[in-house]
């Protein structure tokens, strides 16, 4: 039951849909958000298909999305939401490094990015900011985006990794975290054959010849961007 103001009028609570394939994490997010007097979790989803169905039924005010989802990933889901519900804001909460994915999230149509490594208060701050029609990213990422738009960023500083598609970047990051092909397949909800195809494409784009060379490159890259 919604809490009431002293005037007796109901306190409007903004509805949040949580999309994450980890049940334990969703449980923690739901508890945290529901503690806020003007926020409430109206539903949960563990993949893109369930999320889109829930949006139609529950009419949330904001969708909180993880990037790594089985099947269609969070970036693809954001594009779907933007196409079907253009005025519905999406905030990403992910374990991936913000400097790698925040720009991709914004290009896909998301309104902000919060790392799972950050405090719960940062998440609530991000939710409120996005609900108020603003964009929420860290100061570091905001500066990077401004420099890119203003032409201050030299082309020489752009990493070859930027050539990778969103899904390839996910695979590359997991390789750098020492995940084997079968584990990547399980985590991303794709076949081993598809993961191998992504690996081959990544090697070609980064001009790497062997699997061990790809692994070394990915590990060094992940360490460098921590």
C-alpha atoms as a PDB file:
ATOM      1  CA  UNK A   1       0.000   0.000   0.000  1.00  0.00           C
ATOM      2  CA  UNK A   2       1.322   3.433  -0.930  1.00  0.00           C
ATOM      3  CA  UNK A   3       2.275   5.756   1.882  1.00  0.00           C
ATOM      4  CA  UNK A   4       0.219   8.942   2.285  1.00  0.00           C
ATOM      5  CA  UNK A   5       1.213  12.539   2.691  1.00  0.00           C
ATOM      6  CA  UNK A   6       0.091  14.542   5.713  1.00  0.00           C
ATOM      7  CA  UNK A   7      -2.590  16.111   3.509  1.00  0.00           C
ATOM      8  CA  UNK A   8      -4.180  12.702   3.121  1.00  0.00           C
ATOM      9  CA  UNK A   9      -3.401  12.560  -0.605  1.00  0.00           C
ATOM     10  CA  UNK A  10      -1.659   9.403  -1.862  1.00  0.00           C
ATOM     11  CA  UNK A  11       2.078   9.698  -2.463  1.00  0.00           C
ATOM     12  CA  UNK A  12       2.728   8.938  -6.128  1.00  0.00           C
ATOM     13  CA  UNK A  13       5.304   6.194  -6.525  1.00  0.00           C
ATOM     14  CA  UNK A  14       7.189   5.854  -9.806  1.00  0.00           C
ATOM     15  CA  UNK A  15       7.063   2.286 -11.131  1.00  0.00           C
ATOM     16  CA  UNK A  16      10.345   0.508 -11.936  1.00  0.00           C
ATOM     17  CA  UNK A  17      10.712  -2.680 -13.983  1.00  0.00           C
ATOM     18  CA  UNK A  18      13.891  -4.625 -13.086  1.00  0.00           C
ATOM     19  CA  UNK A  19      15.473  -6.725 -15.864  1.00  0.00           C
ATOM     20  CA  UNK A  20      18.301  -9.024 -14.762  1.00  0.00           C
ATOM     21  CA  UNK A  21      18.824 -12.762 -15.159  1.00  0.00           C
ATOM     22  CA  UNK A  22      20.246 -13.214 -11.643  1.00  0.00           C
ATOM     23  CA  UNK A  23      17.383 -13.881  -9.211  1.00  0.00           C
ATOM     24  CA  UNK A  24      19.415 -13.104  -6.077  1.00  0.00           C
ATOM     25  CA  UNK A  25      20.549  -9.752  -7.465  1.00  0.00           C
ATOM     26  CA  UNK A  26      17.010  -8.884  -8.535  1.00  0.00           C
ATOM     27  CA  UNK A  27      15.797  -9.639  -5.022  1.00  0.00           C
ATOM     28  CA  UNK A  28      18.335  -7.196  -3.580  1.00  0.00           C
ATOM     29  CA  UNK A  29      17.470  -4.494  -6.112  1.00  0.00           C
ATOM     30  CA  UNK A  30      13.759  -4.871  -5.441  1.00  0.00           C
ATOM     31  CA  UNK A  31      14.283  -4.505  -1.674  1.00  0.00           C
ATOM     32  CA  UNK A  32      16.516  -1.467  -2.123  1.00  0.00           C
ATOM     33  CA  UNK A  33      14.206   0.360  -4.519  1.00  0.00           C
ATOM     34  CA  UNK A  34      11.077  -0.402  -2.520  1.00  0.00           C
ATOM     35  CA  UNK A  35      12.609   1.248   0.535  1.00  0.00           C
ATOM     36  CA  UNK A  36      12.390   4.583  -1.267  1.00  0.00           C
ATOM     37  CA  UNK A  37       9.119   6.399  -0.413  1.00  0.00           C
ATOM     38  CA  UNK A  38       8.329   7.458  -3.986  1.00  0.00           C
ATOM     39  CA  UNK A  39       9.662   4.428  -5.907  1.00  0.00           C
ATOM     40  CA  UNK A  40       8.235   0.927  -6.286  1.00  0.00           C
ATOM     41  CA  UNK A  41       9.213  -2.135  -8.303  1.00  0.00           C
ATOM     42  CA  UNK A  42       6.184  -3.029 -10.406  1.00  0.00           C
ATOM     43  CA  UNK A  43       7.713  -6.158 -11.925  1.00  0.00           C
ATOM     44  CA  UNK A  44      10.763  -8.264 -12.713  1.00  0.00           C
ATOM     45  CA  UNK A  45      12.044  -9.936 -15.890  1.00  0.00           C
ATOM     46  CA  UNK A  46      15.007 -12.187 -16.609  1.00  0.00           C
ATOM     47  CA  UNK A  47      15.344 -11.681 -20.376  1.00  0.00           C
ATOM     48  CA  UNK A  48      14.395  -9.318 -23.190  1.00  0.00           C
ATOM     49  CA  UNK A  49      11.280 -11.234 -24.250  1.00  0.00           C
ATOM     50  CA  UNK A  50       9.838 -11.203 -20.739  1.00  0.00           C
ATOM     51  CA  UNK A  51      10.805  -7.548 -20.315  1.00  0.00           C
ATOM     52  CA  UNK A  52       8.942  -6.409 -23.433  1.00  0.00           C
ATOM     53  CA  UNK A  53       5.876  -8.384 -22.410  1.00  0.00           C
ATOM     54  CA  UNK A  54       5.992  -6.879 -18.899  1.00  0.00           C
ATOM     55  CA  UNK A  55       6.304  -3.332 -20.243  1.00  0.00           C
ATOM     56  CA  UNK A  56       3.086  -3.747 -22.177  1.00  0.00           C
ATOM     57  CA  UNK A  57       1.234  -5.084 -19.149  1.00  0.00           C
ATOM     58  CA  UNK A  58       2.712  -3.063 -16.280  1.00  0.00           C
ATOM     59  CA  UNK A  59       3.357   0.351 -17.887  1.00  0.00           C
ATOM     60  CA  UNK A  60       6.508   1.170 -15.856  1.00  0.00           C
ATOM     61  CA  UNK A  61       7.915   4.700 -15.586  1.00  0.00           C
ATOM     62  CA  UNK A  62      11.498   3.427 -15.951  1.00  0.00           C
ATOM     63  CA  UNK A  63      13.198   0.173 -16.923  1.00  0.00           C
ATOM     64  CA  UNK A  64      16.384  -0.887 -15.111  1.00  0.00           C
ATOM     65  CA  UNK A  65      18.361  -3.189 -17.417  1.00  0.00           C
ATOM     66  CA  UNK A  66      21.519  -5.299 -17.221  1.00  0.00           C
ATOM     67  CA  UNK A  67      23.648  -5.569 -20.369  1.00  0.00           C
ATOM     68  CA  UNK A  68      24.399  -9.285 -20.101  1.00  0.00           C
ATOM     69  CA  UNK A  69      21.118 -11.116 -20.653  1.00  0.00           C
ATOM     70  CA  UNK A  70      20.416 -14.536 -22.196  1.00  0.00           C
ATOM     71  CA  UNK A  71      19.374 -14.302 -25.835  1.00  0.00           C
ATOM     72  CA  UNK A  72      19.040 -10.657 -26.877  1.00  0.00           C
ATOM     73  CA  UNK A  73      21.402  -8.566 -24.748  1.00  0.00           C
ATOM     74  CA  UNK A  74      20.593  -5.386 -22.862  1.00  0.00           C
ATOM     75  CA  UNK A  75      21.711  -3.093 -25.675  1.00  0.00           C
ATOM     76  CA  UNK A  76      19.419  -4.869 -28.126  1.00  0.00           C
ATOM     77  CA  UNK A  77      16.600  -4.649 -25.586  1.00  0.00           C
ATOM     78  CA  UNK A  78      17.149  -0.892 -25.248  1.00  0.00           C
ATOM     79  CA  UNK A  79      16.785  -0.508 -29.020  1.00  0.00           C
ATOM     80  CA  UNK A  80      13.576  -2.559 -28.946  1.00  0.00           C
ATOM     81  CA  UNK A  81      12.181  -0.428 -26.125  1.00  0.00           C
ATOM     82  CA  UNK A  82      13.121   2.751 -27.944  1.00  0.00           C
ATOM     83  CA  UNK A  83      11.294   1.541 -31.072  1.00  0.00           C
ATOM     84  CA  UNK A  84       8.169   0.306 -29.276  1.00  0.00           C
ATOM     85  CA  UNK A  85       8.021   2.728 -26.350  1.00  0.00           C
ATOM     86  CA  UNK A  86      10.028   5.817 -27.413  1.00  0.00           C
ATOM     87  CA  UNK A  87       9.209   7.850 -24.303  1.00  0.00           C
ATOM     88  CA  UNK A  88      10.062   5.136 -21.758  1.00  0.00           C
ATOM     89  CA  UNK A  89      13.472   5.845 -20.132  1.00  0.00           C
ATOM     90  CA  UNK A  90      15.986   3.041 -19.613  1.00  0.00           C
ATOM     91  CA  UNK A  91      18.810   3.025 -17.062  1.00  0.00           C
ATOM     92  CA  UNK A  92      21.547   0.380 -17.282  1.00  0.00           C
ATOM     93  CA  UNK A  93      22.970  -1.317 -14.194  1.00  0.00           C
ATOM     94  CA  UNK A  94      25.845  -3.598 -15.193  1.00  0.00           C
ATOM     95  CA  UNK A  95      29.038  -5.267 -14.033  1.00  0.00           C
ATOM     96  CA  UNK A  96      30.793  -4.139 -17.231  1.00  0.00           C
ATOM     97  CA  UNK A  97      33.155  -1.174 -17.077  1.00  0.00           C
ATOM     98  CA  UNK A  98      31.277   2.078 -17.654  1.00  0.00           C
ATOM     99  CA  UNK A  99      34.006   3.533 -19.852  1.00  0.00           C
ATOM    100  CA  UNK A 100      33.486   0.647 -22.308  1.00  0.00           C
ATOM    101  CA  UNK A 101      29.727   0.517 -22.514  1.00  0.00           C
ATOM    102  CA  UNK A 102      28.220   3.850 -21.438  1.00  0.00           C
ATOM    103  CA  UNK A 103      28.574   5.463 -24.866  1.00  0.00           C
ATOM    104  CA  UNK A 104      27.057   2.384 -26.512  1.00  0.00           C
ATOM    105  CA  UNK A 105      24.149   2.508 -24.071  1.00  0.00           C
ATOM    106  CA  UNK A 106      23.469   6.156 -24.909  1.00  0.00           C
ATOM    107  CA  UNK A 107      23.721   5.490 -28.645  1.00  0.00           C
ATOM    108  CA  UNK A 108      21.214   2.644 -28.282  1.00  0.00           C
ATOM    109  CA  UNK A 109      18.766   5.003 -26.580  1.00  0.00           C
ATOM    110  CA  UNK A 110      19.489   4.460 -22.894  1.00  0.00           C
ATOM    111  CA  UNK A 111      19.454   7.423 -20.525  1.00  0.00           C
ATOM    112  CA  UNK A 112      22.166   6.448 -18.082  1.00  0.00           C
ATOM    113  CA  UNK A 113      24.661   3.921 -16.756  1.00  0.00           C
ATOM    114  CA  UNK A 114      25.423   2.733 -13.220  1.00  0.00           C
ATOM    115  CA  UNK A 115      28.120   0.161 -12.434  1.00  0.00           C
ATOM    116  CA  UNK A 116      27.236  -2.695 -10.087  1.00  0.00           C
ATOM    117  CA  UNK A 117      30.497  -1.893  -8.318  1.00  0.00           C
ATOM    118  CA  UNK A 118      29.082   1.452  -7.163  1.00  0.00           C
ATOM    119  CA  UNK A 119      27.031   2.059  -4.043  1.00  0.00           C
ATOM    120  CA  UNK A 120      23.303   1.538  -3.843  1.00  0.00           C
ATOM    121  CA  UNK A 121      22.870   5.249  -3.320  1.00  0.00           C
ATOM    122  CA  UNK A 122      24.388   5.899  -6.755  1.00  0.00           C
ATOM    123  CA  UNK A 123      21.731   3.648  -8.250  1.00  0.00           C
ATOM    124  CA  UNK A 124      18.911   5.538  -6.546  1.00  0.00           C
ATOM    125  CA  UNK A 125      20.511   8.816  -7.612  1.00  0.00           C
ATOM    126  CA  UNK A 126      20.663   7.556 -11.194  1.00  0.00           C
ATOM    127  CA  UNK A 127      17.026   6.426 -11.151  1.00  0.00           C
ATOM    128  CA  UNK A 128      15.831   9.787  -9.865  1.00  0.00           C
ATOM    129  CA  UNK A 129      17.923  11.734 -12.362  1.00  0.00           C
ATOM    130  CA  UNK A 130      16.683   9.716 -15.335  1.00  0.00           C
ATOM    131  CA  UNK A 131      13.081   9.952 -14.126  1.00  0.00           C
ATOM    132  CA  UNK A 132      13.570  13.731 -14.125  1.00  0.00           C
ATOM    133  CA  UNK A 133      14.422  13.637 -17.812  1.00  0.00           C
ATOM    134  CA  UNK A 134      18.203  13.888 -17.458  1.00  0.00           C
ATOM    135  CA  UNK A 135      21.129  11.651 -18.408  1.00  0.00           C
ATOM    136  CA  UNK A 136      23.145   9.903 -15.705  1.00  0.00           C
ATOM    137  CA  UNK A 137      26.802   8.896 -16.260  1.00  0.00           C
ATOM    138  CA  UNK A 138      29.964   9.445 -14.269  1.00  0.00           C
ATOM    139  CA  UNK A 139      31.923  12.690 -14.598  1.00  0.00           C
ATOM    140  CA  UNK A 140      34.779  10.785 -16.261  1.00  0.00           C
ATOM    141  CA  UNK A 141      32.527   9.367 -18.971  1.00  0.00           C
ATOM    142  CA  UNK A 142      30.736  12.686 -19.390  1.00  0.00           C
ATOM    143  CA  UNK A 143      34.090  14.383 -20.059  1.00  0.00           C
ATOM    144  CA  UNK A 144      35.115  11.655 -22.512  1.00  0.00           C
ATOM    145  CA  UNK A 145      31.858  12.033 -24.458  1.00  0.00           C
ATOM    146  CA  UNK A 146      32.191  15.819 -24.523  1.00  0.00           C
ATOM    147  CA  UNK A 147      35.770  15.599 -25.807  1.00  0.00           C
ATOM    148  CA  UNK A 148      34.670  13.213 -28.558  1.00  0.00           C
ATOM    149  CA  UNK A 149      31.807  15.470 -29.632  1.00  0.00           C
ATOM    150  CA  UNK A 150      33.940  18.615 -29.528  1.00  0.00           C
ATOM    151  CA  UNK A 151      36.740  17.060 -31.569  1.00  0.00           C
ATOM    152  CA  UNK A 152      39.262  17.145 -28.727  1.00  0.00           C
ATOM    153  CA  UNK A 153      39.740  13.401 -28.768  1.00  0.00           C
ATOM    154  CA  UNK A 154      42.531  12.417 -31.133  1.00  0.00           C
ATOM    155  CA  UNK A 155      41.733   9.539 -33.499  1.00  0.00           C
ATOM    156  CA  UNK A 156      44.971   7.926 -32.398  1.00  0.00           C
ATOM    157  CA  UNK A 157      43.563   7.456 -28.900  1.00  0.00           C
ATOM    158  CA  UNK A 158      40.603   5.380 -30.135  1.00  0.00           C
ATOM    159  CA  UNK A 159      41.108   1.706 -29.324  1.00  0.00           C
ATOM    160  CA  UNK A 160      40.803  -0.892 -32.124  1.00  0.00           C
ATOM    161  CA  UNK A 161      38.357  -2.613 -29.771  1.00  0.00           C
ATOM    162  CA  UNK A 162      35.854   0.104 -30.736  1.00  0.00           C
ATOM    163  CA  UNK A 163      35.472  -1.732 -34.054  1.00  0.00           C
ATOM    164  CA  UNK A 164      33.737  -4.598 -32.263  1.00  0.00           C
ATOM    165  CA  UNK A 165      29.980  -4.930 -32.249  1.00  0.00           C
ATOM    166  CA  UNK A 166      28.149  -4.766 -28.919  1.00  0.00           C
ATOM    167  CA  UNK A 167      27.915  -8.551 -28.673  1.00  0.00           C
ATOM    168  CA  UNK A 168      31.549  -9.028 -29.729  1.00  0.00           C
ATOM    169  CA  UNK A 169      32.616  -6.588 -27.034  1.00  0.00           C
ATOM    170  CA  UNK A 170      30.698  -8.635 -24.461  1.00  0.00           C
ATOM    171  CA  UNK A 171      32.428 -11.817 -25.643  1.00  0.00           C
ATOM    172  CA  UNK A 172      35.838 -10.106 -25.730  1.00  0.00           C
ATOM    173  CA  UNK A 173      35.373  -8.790 -22.175  1.00  0.00           C
ATOM    174  CA  UNK A 174      34.421 -12.241 -20.877  1.00  0.00           C
ATOM    175  CA  UNK A 175      37.445 -13.771 -22.626  1.00  0.00           C
ATOM    176  CA  UNK A 176      39.563 -11.184 -20.826  1.00  0.00           C
ATOM    177  CA  UNK A 177      37.980 -12.294 -17.555  1.00  0.00           C
ATOM    178  CA  UNK A 178      39.308 -15.820 -18.229  1.00  0.00           C
ATOM    179  CA  UNK A 179      35.919 -17.290 -19.137  1.00  0.00           C
ATOM    180  CA  UNK A 180      35.980 -20.399 -21.323  1.00  0.00           C
ATOM    181  CA  UNK A 181      33.847 -20.709 -24.445  1.00  0.00           C
ATOM    182  CA  UNK A 182      31.250 -22.937 -22.750  1.00  0.00           C
ATOM    183  CA  UNK A 183      30.906 -20.490 -19.844  1.00  0.00           C
ATOM    184  CA  UNK A 184      30.496 -17.572 -22.259  1.00  0.00           C
ATOM    185  CA  UNK A 185      27.888 -19.604 -24.136  1.00  0.00           C
ATOM    186  CA  UNK A 186      25.951 -20.250 -20.939  1.00  0.00           C
ATOM    187  CA  UNK A 187      26.159 -16.675 -19.655  1.00  0.00           C
ATOM    188  CA  UNK A 188      25.098 -15.056 -22.923  1.00  0.00           C
ATOM    189  CA  UNK A 189      22.469 -17.646 -23.835  1.00  0.00           C
ATOM    190  CA  UNK A 190      24.021 -18.504 -27.187  1.00  0.00           C
ATOM    191  CA  UNK A 191      25.415 -21.686 -28.716  1.00  0.00           C
ATOM    192  CA  UNK A 192      29.085 -22.625 -28.498  1.00  0.00           C
ATOM    193  CA  UNK A 193      29.183 -22.396 -32.291  1.00  0.00           C
ATOM    194  CA  UNK A 194      27.978 -18.773 -32.146  1.00  0.00           C
ATOM    195  CA  UNK A 195      30.589 -17.891 -29.512  1.00  0.00           C
ATOM    196  CA  UNK A 196      33.280 -19.412 -31.732  1.00  0.00           C
ATOM    197  CA  UNK A 197      32.007 -17.324 -34.653  1.00  0.00           C
ATOM    198  CA  UNK A 198      32.290 -14.186 -32.511  1.00  0.00           C
ATOM    199  CA  UNK A 199      35.819 -15.185 -31.486  1.00  0.00           C
ATOM    200  CA  UNK A 200      36.804 -15.582 -35.126  1.00  0.00           C
ATOM    201  CA  UNK A 201      35.334 -12.188 -36.006  1.00  0.00           C
ATOM    202  CA  UNK A 202      37.127 -10.525 -33.080  1.00  0.00           C
ATOM    203  CA  UNK A 203      40.459 -12.036 -34.126  1.00  0.00           C
ATOM    204  CA  UNK A 204      39.968 -10.794 -37.672  1.00  0.00           C
ATOM    205  CA  UNK A 205      39.049  -7.249 -36.613  1.00  0.00           C
ATOM    206  CA  UNK A 206      41.929  -7.003 -34.123  1.00  0.00           C
ATOM    207  CA  UNK A 207      44.371  -8.683 -36.540  1.00  0.00           C
ATOM    208  CA  UNK A 208      45.106 -11.549 -34.150  1.00  0.00           C
ATOM    209  CA  UNK A 209      46.076 -14.971 -35.503  1.00  0.00           C
ATOM    210  CA  UNK A 210      45.557 -17.526 -32.739  1.00  0.00           C
ATOM    211  CA  UNK A 211      43.263 -18.295 -29.810  1.00  0.00           C
ATOM    212  CA  UNK A 212      46.001 -17.859 -27.185  1.00  0.00           C
ATOM    213  CA  UNK A 213      46.928 -14.522 -28.758  1.00  0.00           C
ATOM    214  CA  UNK A 214      43.288 -13.429 -28.511  1.00  0.00           C
ATOM    215  CA  UNK A 215      43.142 -14.485 -24.854  1.00  0.00           C
ATOM    216  CA  UNK A 216      46.350 -12.606 -23.964  1.00  0.00           C
ATOM    217  CA  UNK A 217      45.148  -9.497 -25.757  1.00  0.00           C
ATOM    218  CA  UNK A 218      41.743  -9.654 -24.046  1.00  0.00           C
ATOM    219  CA  UNK A 219      43.248 -10.183 -20.566  1.00  0.00           C
ATOM    220  CA  UNK A 220      45.684  -7.273 -20.969  1.00  0.00           C
ATOM    221  CA  UNK A 221      42.909  -5.046 -22.300  1.00  0.00           C
ATOM    222  CA  UNK A 222      40.528  -5.837 -19.433  1.00  0.00           C
ATOM    223  CA  UNK A 223      43.317  -5.174 -16.908  1.00  0.00           C
ATOM    224  CA  UNK A 224      44.159  -1.875 -18.607  1.00  0.00           C
ATOM    225  CA  UNK A 225      40.610  -0.516 -18.435  1.00  0.00           C
ATOM    226  CA  UNK A 226      39.903  -1.485 -14.815  1.00  0.00           C
END
